[in-house]
Amino acid sequence: MVENLNPKNFAKEVFESEVPVIVDFWAPWCGPCRMMAPVFEELSSEYSGKLKFTKLNVEEHNSFSSQFGIMGIPALKIFKGETVLGDIVGFNPKDALKQKIDSIIG
């Protein structure tokens, strides 16, 4: 399951999570973001209990773009607490995305 983030729940869901959190910074008008959505949803089941999958709409919450240096979308950031463990930018097919996630979280 992919959880939607907003300014009210971001710190609790990301920084206070027991497991690492991957945040998909996206926007509804972004074609590659829409292509990534089903891949992201599918992987959320595969990583259940190991990695929390979340999304943040940067069009609705644009302050997060500057806060986290988002220059293009889709942009994925993997957090452990307040530390960014790694970034994945652009659309990735499932196998490529899984490989990149695994290399970041071990």
PDB file of N, CA and C in Angstrom:
ATOM      1  N   MET A   1       0.830  -1.185   0.000  1.00  0.00           N
ATOM      2  CA  MET A   1       0.000   0.000   0.000  1.00  0.00           C
ATOM      3  C   MET A   1       0.879   1.255   0.000  1.00  0.00           C
ATOM      4  N   VAL A   2       0.505   2.204  -0.825  1.00  0.00           N
ATOM      5  CA  VAL A   2       1.241   3.459  -0.928  1.00  0.00           C
ATOM      6  C   VAL A   2       0.457   4.532  -0.185  1.00  0.00           C
ATOM      7  N   GLU A   3       1.125   5.219   0.713  1.00  0.00           N
ATOM      8  CA  GLU A   3       0.478   6.254   1.514  1.00  0.00           C
ATOM      9  C   GLU A   3       0.761   7.634   0.925  1.00  0.00           C
ATOM     10  N   ASN A   4      -0.267   8.486   0.895  1.00  0.00           N
ATOM     11  CA  ASN A   4      -0.103   9.854   0.416  1.00  0.00           C
ATOM     12  C   ASN A   4       0.380  10.737   1.559  1.00  0.00           C
ATOM     13  N   LEU A   5       1.389  11.540   1.251  1.00  0.00           N
ATOM     14  CA  LEU A   5       1.973  12.446   2.247  1.00  0.00           C
ATOM     15  C   LEU A   5       1.477  13.863   2.034  1.00  0.00           C
ATOM     16  N   ASN A   6       1.514  14.639   3.112  1.00  0.00           N
ATOM     17  CA  ASN A   6       1.189  16.060   3.062  1.00  0.00           C
ATOM     18  C   ASN A   6       1.989  16.730   4.178  1.00  0.00           C
ATOM     19  N   PRO A   7       1.955  18.057   4.257  1.00  0.00           N
ATOM     20  CA  PRO A   7       2.742  18.735   5.294  1.00  0.00           C
ATOM     21  C   PRO A   7       2.403  18.301   6.718  1.00  0.00           C
ATOM     22  N   LYS A   8       1.166  17.872   6.959  1.00  0.00           N
ATOM     23  CA  LYS A   8       0.765  17.495   8.311  1.00  0.00           C
ATOM     24  C   LYS A   8       1.303  16.133   8.738  1.00  0.00           C
ATOM     25  N   ASN A   9       1.438  15.194   7.798  1.00  0.00           N
ATOM     26  CA  ASN A   9       1.865  13.845   8.199  1.00  0.00           C
ATOM     27  C   ASN A   9       3.285  13.484   7.760  1.00  0.00           C
ATOM     28  N   PHE A  10       3.971  14.362   7.034  1.00  0.00           N
ATOM     29  CA  PHE A  10       5.287  14.021   6.477  1.00  0.00           C
ATOM     30  C   PHE A  10       6.281  13.609   7.566  1.00  0.00           C
ATOM     31  N   ALA A  11       6.478  14.431   8.567  1.00  0.00           N
ATOM     32  CA  ALA A  11       7.486  14.137   9.597  1.00  0.00           C
ATOM     33  C   ALA A  11       7.185  12.822  10.309  1.00  0.00           C
ATOM     34  N   LYS A  12       5.927  12.619  10.663  1.00  0.00           N
ATOM     35  CA  LYS A  12       5.556  11.393  11.378  1.00  0.00           C
ATOM     36  C   LYS A  12       5.768  10.160  10.500  1.00  0.00           C
ATOM     37  N   GLU A  13       5.280  10.209   9.259  1.00  0.00           N
ATOM     38  CA  GLU A  13       5.327   9.041   8.383  1.00  0.00           C
ATOM     39  C   GLU A  13       6.729   8.751   7.841  1.00  0.00           C
ATOM     40  N   VAL A  14       7.535   9.783   7.665  1.00  0.00           N
ATOM     41  CA  VAL A  14       8.858   9.602   7.075  1.00  0.00           C
ATOM     42  C   VAL A  14       9.941   9.586   8.158  1.00  0.00           C
ATOM     43  N   PHE A  15      10.088  10.672   8.876  1.00  0.00           N
ATOM     44  CA  PHE A  15      11.195  10.800   9.831  1.00  0.00           C
ATOM     45  C   PHE A  15      11.056   9.887  11.042  1.00  0.00           C
ATOM     46  N   GLU A  16       9.832   9.563  11.450  1.00  0.00           N
ATOM     47  CA  GLU A  16       9.619   8.747  12.647  1.00  0.00           C
ATOM     48  C   GLU A  16       9.328   7.281  12.336  1.00  0.00           C
ATOM     49  N   SER A  17       9.461   6.877  11.080  1.00  0.00           N
ATOM     50  CA  SER A  17       9.170   5.497  10.687  1.00  0.00           C
ATOM     51  C   SER A  17      10.218   4.528  11.227  1.00  0.00           C
ATOM     52  N   GLU A  18       9.756   3.334  11.599  1.00  0.00           N
ATOM     53  CA  GLU A  18      10.649   2.278  12.083  1.00  0.00           C
ATOM     54  C   GLU A  18      11.483   1.683  10.949  1.00  0.00           C
ATOM     55  N   VAL A  19      10.948   1.715   9.735  1.00  0.00           N
ATOM     56  CA  VAL A  19      11.636   1.158   8.566  1.00  0.00           C
ATOM     57  C   VAL A  19      11.976   2.300   7.610  1.00  0.00           C
ATOM     58  N   PRO A  20      12.931   2.088   6.700  1.00  0.00           N
ATOM     59  CA  PRO A  20      13.215   3.124   5.701  1.00  0.00           C
ATOM     60  C   PRO A  20      11.949   3.456   4.901  1.00  0.00           C
ATOM     61  N   VAL A  21      11.896   4.680   4.387  1.00  0.00           N
ATOM     62  CA  VAL A  21      10.725   5.161   3.648  1.00  0.00           C
ATOM     63  C   VAL A  21      11.177   5.660   2.285  1.00  0.00           C
ATOM     64  N   ILE A  22      10.478   5.218   1.230  1.00  0.00           N
ATOM     65  CA  ILE A  22      10.730   5.759  -0.102  1.00  0.00           C
ATOM     66  C   ILE A  22       9.598   6.729  -0.424  1.00  0.00           C
ATOM     67  N   VAL A  23       9.981   7.943  -0.817  1.00  0.00           N
ATOM     68  CA  VAL A  23       9.008   8.983  -1.149  1.00  0.00           C
ATOM     69  C   VAL A  23       9.068   9.237  -2.648  1.00  0.00           C
ATOM     70  N   ASP A  24       7.929   9.106  -3.304  1.00  0.00           N
ATOM     71  CA  ASP A  24       7.793   9.413  -4.725  1.00  0.00           C
ATOM     72  C   ASP A  24       7.284  10.838  -4.835  1.00  0.00           C
ATOM     73  N   PHE A  25       8.155  11.760  -5.264  1.00  0.00           N
ATOM     74  CA  PHE A  25       7.770  13.144  -5.507  1.00  0.00           C
ATOM     75  C   PHE A  25       7.230  13.186  -6.936  1.00  0.00           C
ATOM     76  N   TRP A  26       5.950  13.517  -7.103  1.00  0.00           N
ATOM     77  CA  TRP A  26       5.285  13.399  -8.393  1.00  0.00           C
ATOM     78  C   TRP A  26       4.276  14.532  -8.587  1.00  0.00           C
ATOM     79  N   ALA A  27       3.681  14.583  -9.785  1.00  0.00           N
ATOM     80  CA  ALA A  27       2.588  15.518 -10.078  1.00  0.00           C
ATOM     81  C   ALA A  27       1.644  14.845 -11.073  1.00  0.00           C
ATOM     82  N   PRO A  28       0.357  15.170 -11.018  1.00  0.00           N
ATOM     83  CA  PRO A  28      -0.622  14.508 -11.882  1.00  0.00           C
ATOM     84  C   PRO A  28      -0.404  14.726 -13.379  1.00  0.00           C
ATOM     85  N   TRP A  29       0.194  15.846 -13.779  1.00  0.00           N
ATOM     86  CA  TRP A  29       0.405  16.149 -15.189  1.00  0.00           C
ATOM     87  C   TRP A  29       1.651  15.467 -15.762  1.00  0.00           C
ATOM     88  N   CYS A  30       2.417  14.799 -14.918  1.00  0.00           N
ATOM     89  CA  CYS A  30       3.702  14.204 -15.319  1.00  0.00           C
ATOM     90  C   CYS A  30       3.491  12.794 -15.888  1.00  0.00           C
ATOM     91  N   GLY A  31       3.719  12.635 -17.194  1.00  0.00           N
ATOM     92  CA  GLY A  31       3.559  11.333 -17.856  1.00  0.00           C
ATOM     93  C   GLY A  31       4.410  10.227 -17.245  1.00  0.00           C
ATOM     94  N   PRO A  32       5.724  10.445 -17.084  1.00  0.00           N
ATOM     95  CA  PRO A  32       6.552   9.411 -16.470  1.00  0.00           C
ATOM     96  C   PRO A  32       6.113   9.064 -15.040  1.00  0.00           C
ATOM     97  N   CYS A  33       5.557  10.055 -14.330  1.00  0.00           N
ATOM     98  CA  CYS A  33       5.044   9.793 -12.971  1.00  0.00           C
ATOM     99  C   CYS A  33       3.873   8.820 -13.032  1.00  0.00           C
ATOM    100  N   ARG A  34       2.992   9.025 -14.006  1.00  0.00           N
ATOM    101  CA  ARG A  34       1.837   8.135 -14.160  1.00  0.00           C
ATOM    102  C   ARG A  34       2.290   6.742 -14.571  1.00  0.00           C
ATOM    103  N   MET A  35       3.345   6.649 -15.382  1.00  0.00           N
ATOM    104  CA  MET A  35       3.888   5.344 -15.767  1.00  0.00           C
ATOM    105  C   MET A  35       4.509   4.634 -14.561  1.00  0.00           C
ATOM    106  N   MET A  36       5.091   5.393 -13.655  1.00  0.00           N
ATOM    107  CA  MET A  36       5.756   4.836 -12.477  1.00  0.00           C
ATOM    108  C   MET A  36       4.750   4.333 -11.441  1.00  0.00           C
ATOM    109  N   ALA A  37       3.566   4.922 -11.387  1.00  0.00           N
ATOM    110  CA  ALA A  37       2.598   4.624 -10.325  1.00  0.00           C
ATOM    111  C   ALA A  37       2.292   3.131 -10.166  1.00  0.00           C
ATOM    112  N   PRO A  38       1.958   2.385 -11.240  1.00  0.00           N
ATOM    113  CA  PRO A  38       1.659   0.963 -11.027  1.00  0.00           C
ATOM    114  C   PRO A  38       2.886   0.152 -10.602  1.00  0.00           C
ATOM    115  N   VAL A  39       4.062   0.530 -11.080  1.00  0.00           N
ATOM    116  CA  VAL A  39       5.306  -0.134 -10.690  1.00  0.00           C
ATOM    117  C   VAL A  39       5.555   0.093  -9.200  1.00  0.00           C
ATOM    118  N   PHE A  40       5.390   1.322  -8.775  1.00  0.00           N
ATOM    119  CA  PHE A  40       5.586   1.712  -7.377  1.00  0.00           C
ATOM    120  C   PHE A  40       4.615   0.952  -6.474  1.00  0.00           C
ATOM    121  N   GLU A  41       3.353   0.884  -6.900  1.00  0.00           N
ATOM    122  CA  GLU A  41       2.314   0.173  -6.138  1.00  0.00           C
ATOM    123  C   GLU A  41       2.660  -1.314  -6.017  1.00  0.00           C
ATOM    124  N   GLU A  42       3.088  -1.915  -7.106  1.00  0.00           N
ATOM    125  CA  GLU A  42       3.445  -3.337  -7.109  1.00  0.00           C
ATOM    126  C   GLU A  42       4.623  -3.618  -6.174  1.00  0.00           C
ATOM    127  N   LEU A  43       5.628  -2.768  -6.238  1.00  0.00           N
ATOM    128  CA  LEU A  43       6.800  -2.963  -5.376  1.00  0.00           C
ATOM    129  C   LEU A  43       6.460  -2.738  -3.900  1.00  0.00           C
ATOM    130  N   SER A  44       5.466  -1.902  -3.624  1.00  0.00           N
ATOM    131  CA  SER A  44       5.100  -1.662  -2.226  1.00  0.00           C
ATOM    132  C   SER A  44       4.667  -2.962  -1.545  1.00  0.00           C
ATOM    133  N   SER A  45       4.040  -3.859  -2.293  1.00  0.00           N
ATOM    134  CA  SER A  45       3.645  -5.160  -1.734  1.00  0.00           C
ATOM    135  C   SER A  45       4.862  -6.044  -1.509  1.00  0.00           C
ATOM    136  N   GLU A  46       5.784  -6.028  -2.451  1.00  0.00           N
ATOM    137  CA  GLU A  46       6.969  -6.879  -2.366  1.00  0.00           C
ATOM    138  C   GLU A  46       7.900  -6.489  -1.216  1.00  0.00           C
ATOM    139  N   TYR A  47       7.922  -5.217  -0.866  1.00  0.00           N
ATOM    140  CA  TYR A  47       8.811  -4.734   0.193  1.00  0.00           C
ATOM    141  C   TYR A  47       8.084  -4.532   1.523  1.00  0.00           C
ATOM    142  N   SER A  48       6.882  -5.047   1.629  1.00  0.00           N
ATOM    143  CA  SER A  48       6.081  -4.879   2.842  1.00  0.00           C
ATOM    144  C   SER A  48       6.877  -5.274   4.085  1.00  0.00           C
ATOM    145  N   GLY A  49       6.920  -4.363   5.065  1.00  0.00           N
ATOM    146  CA  GLY A  49       7.652  -4.615   6.301  1.00  0.00           C
ATOM    147  C   GLY A  49       9.128  -4.236   6.246  1.00  0.00           C
ATOM    148  N   LYS A  50       9.670  -4.046   5.028  1.00  0.00           N
ATOM    149  CA  LYS A  50      11.083  -3.689   4.873  1.00  0.00           C
ATOM    150  C   LYS A  50      11.284  -2.244   4.433  1.00  0.00           C
ATOM    151  N   LEU A  51      10.296  -1.721   3.698  1.00  0.00           N
ATOM    152  CA  LEU A  51      10.389  -0.373   3.138  1.00  0.00           C
ATOM    153  C   LEU A  51       8.979   0.174   2.995  1.00  0.00           C
ATOM    154  N   LYS A  52       8.747   1.368   3.533  1.00  0.00           N
ATOM    155  CA  LYS A  52       7.429   2.000   3.430  1.00  0.00           C
ATOM    156  C   LYS A  52       7.392   2.848   2.163  1.00  0.00           C
ATOM    157  N   PHE A  53       6.340   2.679   1.365  1.00  0.00           N
ATOM    158  CA  PHE A  53       6.174   3.398   0.105  1.00  0.00           C
ATOM    159  C   PHE A  53       5.188   4.547   0.288  1.00  0.00           C
ATOM    160  N   THR A  54       5.611   5.753  -0.081  1.00  0.00           N
ATOM    161  CA  THR A  54       4.776   6.944   0.065  1.00  0.00           C
ATOM    162  C   THR A  54       4.884   7.810  -1.179  1.00  0.00           C
ATOM    163  N   LYS A  55       3.902   8.693  -1.360  1.00  0.00           N
ATOM    164  CA  LYS A  55       3.888   9.631  -2.490  1.00  0.00           C
ATOM    165  C   LYS A  55       3.615  11.031  -1.966  1.00  0.00           C
ATOM    166  N   LEU A  56       4.230  12.005  -2.621  1.00  0.00           N
ATOM    167  CA  LEU A  56       3.968  13.402  -2.278  1.00  0.00           C
ATOM    168  C   LEU A  56       3.756  14.189  -3.566  1.00  0.00           C
ATOM    169  N   ASN A  57       2.585  14.781  -3.709  1.00  0.00           N
ATOM    170  CA  ASN A  57       2.242  15.574  -4.887  1.00  0.00           C
ATOM    171  C   ASN A  57       2.921  16.940  -4.765  1.00  0.00           C
ATOM    172  N   VAL A  58       3.945  17.176  -5.590  1.00  0.00           N
ATOM    173  CA  VAL A  58       4.707  18.423  -5.494  1.00  0.00           C
ATOM    174  C   VAL A  58       3.946  19.622  -6.063  1.00  0.00           C
ATOM    175  N   GLU A  59       2.915  19.352  -6.852  1.00  0.00           N
ATOM    176  CA  GLU A  59       2.097  20.457  -7.348  1.00  0.00           C
ATOM    177  C   GLU A  59       1.257  21.033  -6.207  1.00  0.00           C
ATOM    178  N   GLU A  60       0.735  20.167  -5.355  1.00  0.00           N
ATOM    179  CA  GLU A  60      -0.065  20.611  -4.212  1.00  0.00           C
ATOM    180  C   GLU A  60       0.808  21.097  -3.052  1.00  0.00           C
ATOM    181  N   HIS A  61       1.996  20.531  -2.927  1.00  0.00           N
ATOM    182  CA  HIS A  61       2.884  20.830  -1.794  1.00  0.00           C
ATOM    183  C   HIS A  61       4.270  21.198  -2.324  1.00  0.00           C
ATOM    184  N   ASN A  62       4.347  22.305  -3.065  1.00  0.00           N
ATOM    185  CA  ASN A  62       5.584  22.651  -3.766  1.00  0.00           C
ATOM    186  C   ASN A  62       6.736  23.067  -2.858  1.00  0.00           C
ATOM    187  N   SER A  63       6.471  23.369  -1.596  1.00  0.00           N
ATOM    188  CA  SER A  63       7.574  23.732  -0.700  1.00  0.00           C
ATOM    189  C   SER A  63       8.535  22.561  -0.497  1.00  0.00           C
ATOM    190  N   PHE A  64       8.037  21.334  -0.664  1.00  0.00           N
ATOM    191  CA  PHE A  64       8.891  20.158  -0.500  1.00  0.00           C
ATOM    192  C   PHE A  64       9.917  20.042  -1.625  1.00  0.00           C
ATOM    193  N   SER A  65       9.584  20.552  -2.810  1.00  0.00           N
ATOM    194  CA  SER A  65      10.530  20.506  -3.928  1.00  0.00           C
ATOM    195  C   SER A  65      11.813  21.241  -3.584  1.00  0.00           C
ATOM    196  N   SER A  66      11.671  22.453  -3.065  1.00  0.00           N
ATOM    197  CA  SER A  66      12.871  23.208  -2.714  1.00  0.00           C
ATOM    198  C   SER A  66      13.537  22.640  -1.466  1.00  0.00           C
ATOM    199  N   GLN A  67      12.742  22.195  -0.507  1.00  0.00           N
ATOM    200  CA  GLN A  67      13.306  21.642   0.728  1.00  0.00           C
ATOM    201  C   GLN A  67      14.206  20.440   0.463  1.00  0.00           C
ATOM    202  N   PHE A  68      13.820  19.603  -0.511  1.00  0.00           N
ATOM    203  CA  PHE A  68      14.582  18.390  -0.783  1.00  0.00           C
ATOM    204  C   PHE A  68      15.323  18.419  -2.114  1.00  0.00           C
ATOM    205  N   GLY A  69      15.416  19.587  -2.737  1.00  0.00           N
ATOM    206  CA  GLY A  69      16.199  19.738  -3.963  1.00  0.00           C
ATOM    207  C   GLY A  69      15.655  18.969  -5.146  1.00  0.00           C
ATOM    208  N   ILE A  70      14.339  18.905  -5.276  1.00  0.00           N
ATOM    209  CA  ILE A  70      13.724  18.191  -6.389  1.00  0.00           C
ATOM    210  C   ILE A  70      13.793  19.086  -7.620  1.00  0.00           C
ATOM    211  N   MET A  71      14.540  18.633  -8.628  1.00  0.00           N
ATOM    212  CA  MET A  71      14.712  19.417  -9.848  1.00  0.00           C
ATOM    213  C   MET A  71      13.858  18.880 -10.994  1.00  0.00           C
ATOM    214  N   GLY A  72      13.514  17.609 -10.946  1.00  0.00           N
ATOM    215  CA  GLY A  72      12.694  16.975 -11.972  1.00  0.00           C
ATOM    216  C   GLY A  72      11.935  15.823 -11.336  1.00  0.00           C
ATOM    217  N   ILE A  73      10.819  15.450 -11.971  1.00  0.00           N
ATOM    218  CA  ILE A  73      10.014  14.359 -11.434  1.00  0.00           C
ATOM    219  C   ILE A  73       9.751  13.330 -12.530  1.00  0.00           C
ATOM    220  N   PRO A  74       9.499  12.092 -12.200  1.00  0.00           N
ATOM    221  CA  PRO A  74       9.436  11.567 -10.847  1.00  0.00           C
ATOM    222  C   PRO A  74      10.817  11.528 -10.195  1.00  0.00           C
ATOM    223  N   ALA A  75      10.821  11.820  -8.919  1.00  0.00           N
ATOM    224  CA  ALA A  75      12.052  11.743  -8.125  1.00  0.00           C
ATOM    225  C   ALA A  75      11.734  10.937  -6.877  1.00  0.00           C
ATOM    226  N   LEU A  76      12.508   9.920  -6.639  1.00  0.00           N
ATOM    227  CA  LEU A  76      12.332   9.082  -5.459  1.00  0.00           C
ATOM    228  C   LEU A  76      13.482   9.341  -4.504  1.00  0.00           C
ATOM    229  N   LYS A  77      13.155   9.472  -3.236  1.00  0.00           N
ATOM    230  CA  LYS A  77      14.178   9.608  -2.193  1.00  0.00           C
ATOM    231  C   LYS A  77      13.890   8.560  -1.142  1.00  0.00           C
ATOM    232  N   ILE A  78      14.945   7.887  -0.698  1.00  0.00           N
ATOM    233  CA  ILE A  78      14.806   6.895   0.359  1.00  0.00           C
ATOM    234  C   ILE A  78      15.390   7.481   1.633  1.00  0.00           C
ATOM    235  N   PHE A  79      14.548   7.535   2.661  1.00  0.00           N
ATOM    236  CA  PHE A  79      14.916   8.112   3.949  1.00  0.00           C
ATOM    237  C   PHE A  79      15.043   7.032   5.009  1.00  0.00           C
ATOM    238  N   LYS A  80      15.980   7.224   5.917  1.00  0.00           N
ATOM    239  CA  LYS A  80      16.029   6.489   7.182  1.00  0.00           C
ATOM    240  C   LYS A  80      16.130   7.583   8.227  1.00  0.00           C
ATOM    241  N   GLY A  81      15.036   7.795   8.958  1.00  0.00           N
ATOM    242  CA  GLY A  81      14.972   8.958   9.824  1.00  0.00           C
ATOM    243  C   GLY A  81      14.974  10.202   8.956  1.00  0.00           C
ATOM    244  N   GLU A  82      15.803  11.169   9.309  1.00  0.00           N
ATOM    245  CA  GLU A  82      15.883  12.401   8.520  1.00  0.00           C
ATOM    246  C   GLU A  82      17.012  12.366   7.501  1.00  0.00           C
ATOM    247  N   THR A  83      17.684  11.224   7.397  1.00  0.00           N
ATOM    248  CA  THR A  83      18.796  11.072   6.466  1.00  0.00           C
ATOM    249  C   THR A  83      18.307  10.500   5.136  1.00  0.00           C
ATOM    250  N   VAL A  84      18.737  11.116   4.034  1.00  0.00           N
ATOM    251  CA  VAL A  84      18.432  10.585   2.712  1.00  0.00           C
ATOM    252  C   VAL A  84      19.509   9.549   2.383  1.00  0.00           C
ATOM    253  N   LEU A  85      19.074   8.293   2.236  1.00  0.00           N
ATOM    254  CA  LEU A  85      20.016   7.215   1.920  1.00  0.00           C
ATOM    255  C   LEU A  85      20.374   7.201   0.437  1.00  0.00           C
ATOM    256  N   GLY A  86      19.419   7.621  -0.400  1.00  0.00           N
ATOM    257  CA  GLY A  86      19.682   7.612  -1.836  1.00  0.00           C
ATOM    258  C   GLY A  86      18.548   8.221  -2.629  1.00  0.00           C
ATOM    259  N   ASP A  87      18.851   8.525  -3.895  1.00  0.00           N
ATOM    260  CA  ASP A  87      17.902   9.147  -4.813  1.00  0.00           C
ATOM    261  C   ASP A  87      17.796   8.310  -6.079  1.00  0.00           C
ATOM    262  N   ILE A  88      16.606   8.290  -6.659  1.00  0.00           N
ATOM    263  CA  ILE A  88      16.377   7.659  -7.957  1.00  0.00           C
ATOM    264  C   ILE A  88      15.545   8.660  -8.749  1.00  0.00           C
ATOM    265  N   VAL A  89      16.055   9.091  -9.891  1.00  0.00           N
ATOM    266  CA  VAL A  89      15.365  10.121 -10.670  1.00  0.00           C
ATOM    267  C   VAL A  89      14.908   9.544 -12.001  1.00  0.00           C
ATOM    268  N   GLY A  90      13.688   9.917 -12.408  1.00  0.00           N
ATOM    269  CA  GLY A  90      13.145   9.488 -13.687  1.00  0.00           C
ATOM    270  C   GLY A  90      12.432   8.153 -13.595  1.00  0.00           C
ATOM    271  N   PHE A  91      11.722   7.818 -14.677  1.00  0.00           N
ATOM    272  CA  PHE A  91      11.001   6.552 -14.727  1.00  0.00           C
ATOM    273  C   PHE A  91      11.982   5.393 -14.816  1.00  0.00           C
ATOM    274  N   ASN A  92      11.693   4.338 -14.069  1.00  0.00           N
ATOM    275  CA  ASN A  92      12.469   3.105 -14.133  1.00  0.00           C
ATOM    276  C   ASN A  92      11.505   1.940 -14.235  1.00  0.00           C
ATOM    277  N   PRO A  93      11.765   0.974 -15.145  1.00  0.00           N
ATOM    278  CA  PRO A  93      10.935  -0.225 -15.151  1.00  0.00           C
ATOM    279  C   PRO A  93      11.137  -0.987 -13.839  1.00  0.00           C
ATOM    280  N   LYS A  94      10.231  -1.903 -13.542  1.00  0.00           N
ATOM    281  CA  LYS A  94      10.210  -2.577 -12.250  1.00  0.00           C
ATOM    282  C   LYS A  94      11.559  -3.192 -11.868  1.00  0.00           C
ATOM    283  N   ASP A  95      12.152  -3.979 -12.750  1.00  0.00           N
ATOM    284  CA  ASP A  95      13.414  -4.661 -12.404  1.00  0.00           C
ATOM    285  C   ASP A  95      14.534  -3.670 -12.111  1.00  0.00           C
ATOM    286  N   ALA A  96      14.616  -2.612 -12.914  1.00  0.00           N
ATOM    287  CA  ALA A  96      15.661  -1.599 -12.704  1.00  0.00           C
ATOM    288  C   ALA A  96      15.428  -0.857 -11.393  1.00  0.00           C
ATOM    289  N   LEU A  97      14.168  -0.536 -11.120  1.00  0.00           N
ATOM    290  CA  LEU A  97      13.855   0.174  -9.883  1.00  0.00           C
ATOM    291  C   LEU A  97      14.163  -0.702  -8.671  1.00  0.00           C
ATOM    292  N   LYS A  98      13.790  -1.966  -8.753  1.00  0.00           N
ATOM    293  CA  LYS A  98      14.046  -2.903  -7.657  1.00  0.00           C
ATOM    294  C   LYS A  98      15.551  -3.022  -7.391  1.00  0.00           C
ATOM    295  N   GLN A  99      16.327  -3.101  -8.455  1.00  0.00           N
ATOM    296  CA  GLN A  99      17.791  -3.203  -8.320  1.00  0.00           C
ATOM    297  C   GLN A  99      18.363  -1.954  -7.643  1.00  0.00           C
ATOM    298  N   LYS A 100      17.867  -0.776  -8.030  1.00  0.00           N
ATOM    299  CA  LYS A 100      18.359   0.466  -7.433  1.00  0.00           C
ATOM    300  C   LYS A 100      17.954   0.559  -5.963  1.00  0.00           C
ATOM    301  N   ILE A 101      16.728   0.171  -5.656  1.00  0.00           N
ATOM    302  CA  ILE A 101      16.265   0.184  -4.257  1.00  0.00           C
ATOM    303  C   ILE A 101      17.133  -0.744  -3.418  1.00  0.00           C
ATOM    304  N   ASP A 102      17.361  -1.954  -3.914  1.00  0.00           N
ATOM    305  CA  ASP A 102      18.158  -2.933  -3.176  1.00  0.00           C
ATOM    306  C   ASP A 102      19.585  -2.448  -2.938  1.00  0.00           C
ATOM    307  N   SER A 103      20.147  -1.739  -3.924  1.00  0.00           N
ATOM    308  CA  SER A 103      21.521  -1.240  -3.752  1.00  0.00           C
ATOM    309  C   SER A 103      21.573  -0.134  -2.696  1.00  0.00           C
ATOM    310  N   ILE A 104      20.456   0.573  -2.487  1.00  0.00           N
ATOM    311  CA  ILE A 104      20.429   1.650  -1.496  1.00  0.00           C
ATOM    312  C   ILE A 104      20.139   1.112  -0.094  1.00  0.00           C
ATOM    313  N   ILE A 105      19.166   0.218   0.014  1.00  0.00           N
ATOM    314  CA  ILE A 105      18.791  -0.248   1.363  1.00  0.00           C
ATOM    315  C   ILE A 105      19.510  -1.522   1.780  1.00  0.00           C
ATOM    316  N   GLY A 106      20.236  -2.134   0.844  1.00  0.00           N
ATOM    317  CA  GLY A 106      21.025  -3.322   1.185  1.00  0.00           C
ATOM    318  C   GLY A 106      20.246  -4.560   1.196  1.00  0.00           C
TER     319      GLY A 106
END
